[in-house]
Amino acid sequence: MNSIKSLLMFVMFFSLSSIVSAQIHHKTDDKKKLFILLGQSNMAGRAPIEKKDSLPLLMVKLLNDKGDFEVAENPLNRYSNIRKKLSMQKLGPGYAFAKR
């Protein structure tokens, strides 16, 4: 009887601690939005990058070749593994989308 009681107490304690832990984590978690911009050359962009379009987007992150996020700036597809030369990458629709 004591072993059943002990087992029930353990299960209840474990369950409650998991619930409390999940609630604490949820309250401190920032809400972020993730948009994945995919496409062919039209997403890469071929429009010239003007000075006003070369500014970094401080609130927008870009996944780099090391798997880390960095502040986004043009060209936005600089880390694509299926792109042509970096010099061909220019302004695409992703930059205007990200500015909003």
C-alpha atoms as a PDB file:
ATOM      1  CA  MET A   1       0.000   0.000   0.000  1.00  0.00           C
ATOM      2  CA  ASN A   2       2.824   2.402   0.846  1.00  0.00           C
ATOM      3  CA  SER A   3       4.516   1.734  -2.483  1.00  0.00           C
ATOM      4  CA  ILE A   4       1.306   2.604  -4.379  1.00  0.00           C
ATOM      5  CA  LYS A   5       0.922   5.766  -2.317  1.00  0.00           C
ATOM      6  CA  SER A   6       4.538   6.704  -2.965  1.00  0.00           C
ATOM      7  CA  LEU A   7       4.160   6.049  -6.673  1.00  0.00           C
ATOM      8  CA  LEU A   8       1.008   8.202  -6.865  1.00  0.00           C
ATOM      9  CA  MET A   9       2.712  11.019  -4.958  1.00  0.00           C
ATOM     10  CA  PHE A  10       5.683  10.849  -7.321  1.00  0.00           C
ATOM     11  CA  VAL A  11       3.454  10.932 -10.416  1.00  0.00           C
ATOM     12  CA  MET A  12       1.429  13.867  -9.037  1.00  0.00           C
ATOM     13  CA  PHE A  13       4.565  15.806  -8.116  1.00  0.00           C
ATOM     14  CA  PHE A  14       6.139  15.171 -11.521  1.00  0.00           C
ATOM     15  CA  SER A  15       2.943  16.157 -13.356  1.00  0.00           C
ATOM     16  CA  LEU A  16       2.462  19.357 -11.365  1.00  0.00           C
ATOM     17  CA  SER A  17       6.089  20.400 -11.717  1.00  0.00           C
ATOM     18  CA  SER A  18       5.884  19.854 -15.491  1.00  0.00           C
ATOM     19  CA  ILE A  19       2.743  21.995 -15.741  1.00  0.00           C
ATOM     20  CA  VAL A  20       4.236  24.802 -13.652  1.00  0.00           C
ATOM     21  CA  SER A  21       7.466  24.672 -15.632  1.00  0.00           C
ATOM     22  CA  ALA A  22       5.580  24.888 -18.939  1.00  0.00           C
ATOM     23  CA  GLN A  23       3.525  27.853 -17.707  1.00  0.00           C
ATOM     24  CA  ILE A  24       6.595  29.739 -16.495  1.00  0.00           C
ATOM     25  CA  HIS A  25       8.370  29.114 -19.782  1.00  0.00           C
ATOM     26  CA  HIS A  26       5.326  30.225 -21.764  1.00  0.00           C
ATOM     27  CA  LYS A  27       5.013  33.502 -19.850  1.00  0.00           C
ATOM     28  CA  THR A  28       8.631  34.512 -20.478  1.00  0.00           C
ATOM     29  CA  ASP A  29       8.718  33.428 -24.107  1.00  0.00           C
ATOM     30  CA  ASP A  30       8.728  36.267 -26.669  1.00  0.00           C
ATOM     31  CA  LYS A  31       6.289  35.955 -29.528  1.00  0.00           C
ATOM     32  CA  LYS A  32       8.099  36.121 -32.839  1.00  0.00           C
ATOM     33  CA  LYS A  33       6.907  35.577 -36.369  1.00  0.00           C
ATOM     34  CA  LEU A  34       8.799  33.434 -38.830  1.00  0.00           C
ATOM     35  CA  PHE A  35       8.348  33.978 -42.558  1.00  0.00           C
ATOM     36  CA  ILE A  36      10.164  31.787 -45.053  1.00  0.00           C
ATOM     37  CA  LEU A  37      10.586  33.500 -48.405  1.00  0.00           C
ATOM     38  CA  LEU A  38      11.096  30.920 -51.139  1.00  0.00           C
ATOM     39  CA  GLY A  39      11.157  31.224 -54.872  1.00  0.00           C
ATOM     40  CA  GLN A  40      13.293  31.203 -57.947  1.00  0.00           C
ATOM     41  CA  SER A  41      15.193  34.096 -59.482  1.00  0.00           C
ATOM     42  CA  ASN A  42      12.231  36.431 -58.987  1.00  0.00           C
ATOM     43  CA  MET A  43      12.644  36.070 -55.194  1.00  0.00           C
ATOM     44  CA  ALA A  44      16.405  36.570 -55.456  1.00  0.00           C
ATOM     45  CA  GLY A  45      15.772  39.845 -57.242  1.00  0.00           C
ATOM     46  CA  ARG A  46      17.497  41.540 -60.106  1.00  0.00           C
ATOM     47  CA  ALA A  47      16.641  45.189 -59.349  1.00  0.00           C
ATOM     48  CA  PRO A  48      19.533  47.494 -58.514  1.00  0.00           C
ATOM     49  CA  ILE A  49      20.103  48.051 -54.792  1.00  0.00           C
ATOM     50  CA  GLU A  50      19.934  51.792 -54.161  1.00  0.00           C
ATOM     51  CA  LYS A  51      21.523  53.450 -51.149  1.00  0.00           C
ATOM     52  CA  LYS A  52      18.199  53.590 -49.242  1.00  0.00           C
ATOM     53  CA  ASP A  53      17.754  49.833 -49.801  1.00  0.00           C
ATOM     54  CA  SER A  54      21.189  48.929 -48.487  1.00  0.00           C
ATOM     55  CA  LEU A  55      20.401  49.809 -44.876  1.00  0.00           C
ATOM     56  CA  PRO A  56      20.225  46.878 -42.436  1.00  0.00           C
ATOM     57  CA  LEU A  57      16.782  45.917 -41.125  1.00  0.00           C
ATOM     58  CA  LEU A  58      17.484  45.832 -37.399  1.00  0.00           C
ATOM     59  CA  MET A  59      14.250  44.033 -36.442  1.00  0.00           C
ATOM     60  CA  VAL A  60      14.578  41.426 -39.209  1.00  0.00           C
ATOM     61  CA  LYS A  61      16.877  38.420 -38.989  1.00  0.00           C
ATOM     62  CA  LEU A  62      18.478  36.367 -41.737  1.00  0.00           C
ATOM     63  CA  LEU A  63      19.666  32.786 -41.293  1.00  0.00           C
ATOM     64  CA  ASN A  64      23.350  32.669 -42.226  1.00  0.00           C
ATOM     65  CA  ASP A  65      25.549  29.832 -43.489  1.00  0.00           C
ATOM     66  CA  LYS A  66      26.505  28.837 -39.920  1.00  0.00           C
ATOM     67  CA  GLY A  67      22.867  28.353 -38.863  1.00  0.00           C
ATOM     68  CA  ASP A  68      22.811  31.553 -36.791  1.00  0.00           C
ATOM     69  CA  PHE A  69      20.530  34.545 -37.189  1.00  0.00           C
ATOM     70  CA  GLU A  70      21.998  37.914 -38.112  1.00  0.00           C
ATOM     71  CA  VAL A  71      20.562  41.328 -38.932  1.00  0.00           C
ATOM     72  CA  ALA A  72      19.141  41.217 -42.468  1.00  0.00           C
ATOM     73  CA  GLU A  73      20.499  43.359 -45.266  1.00  0.00           C
ATOM     74  CA  ASN A  74      20.541  43.091 -49.052  1.00  0.00           C
ATOM     75  CA  PRO A  75      20.994  40.848 -50.872  1.00  0.00           C
ATOM     76  CA  LEU A  76      18.706  38.725 -48.725  1.00  0.00           C
ATOM     77  CA  ASN A  77      19.607  35.449 -50.421  1.00  0.00           C
ATOM     78  CA  ARG A  78      23.351  35.772 -49.851  1.00  0.00           C
ATOM     79  CA  TYR A  79      23.472  32.391 -48.075  1.00  0.00           C
ATOM     80  CA  SER A  80      21.424  30.375 -50.557  1.00  0.00           C
ATOM     81  CA  ASN A  81      23.158  27.195 -51.660  1.00  0.00           C
ATOM     82  CA  ILE A  82      21.370  27.184 -55.033  1.00  0.00           C
ATOM     83  CA  ARG A  83      21.983  30.757 -56.137  1.00  0.00           C
ATOM     84  CA  LYS A  84      24.166  32.099 -58.894  1.00  0.00           C
ATOM     85  CA  LYS A  85      27.142  34.329 -58.131  1.00  0.00           C
ATOM     86  CA  LEU A  86      26.638  36.763 -55.238  1.00  0.00           C
ATOM     87  CA  SER A  87      27.285  39.670 -57.623  1.00  0.00           C
ATOM     88  CA  MET A  88      24.083  38.737 -59.515  1.00  0.00           C
ATOM     89  CA  GLN A  89      21.927  38.930 -56.382  1.00  0.00           C
ATOM     90  CA  LYS A  90      20.133  42.226 -56.113  1.00  0.00           C
ATOM     91  CA  LEU A  91      16.938  43.717 -54.702  1.00  0.00           C
ATOM     92  CA  GLY A  92      13.974  41.350 -54.515  1.00  0.00           C
ATOM     93  CA  PRO A  93      10.460  41.503 -53.031  1.00  0.00           C
ATOM     94  CA  GLY A  94      11.618  40.169 -49.656  1.00  0.00           C
ATOM     95  CA  TYR A  95      13.167  43.488 -48.627  1.00  0.00           C
ATOM     96  CA  ALA A  96       9.942  45.493 -49.087  1.00  0.00           C
ATOM     97  CA  PHE A  97       8.014  42.733 -47.296  1.00  0.00           C
ATOM     98  CA  ALA A  98      10.477  42.757 -44.392  1.00  0.00           C
ATOM     99  CA  LYS A  99      10.343  46.549 -44.008  1.00  0.00           C
ATOM    100  CA  ARG A 100       6.629  46.367 -43.169  1.00  0.00           C
END
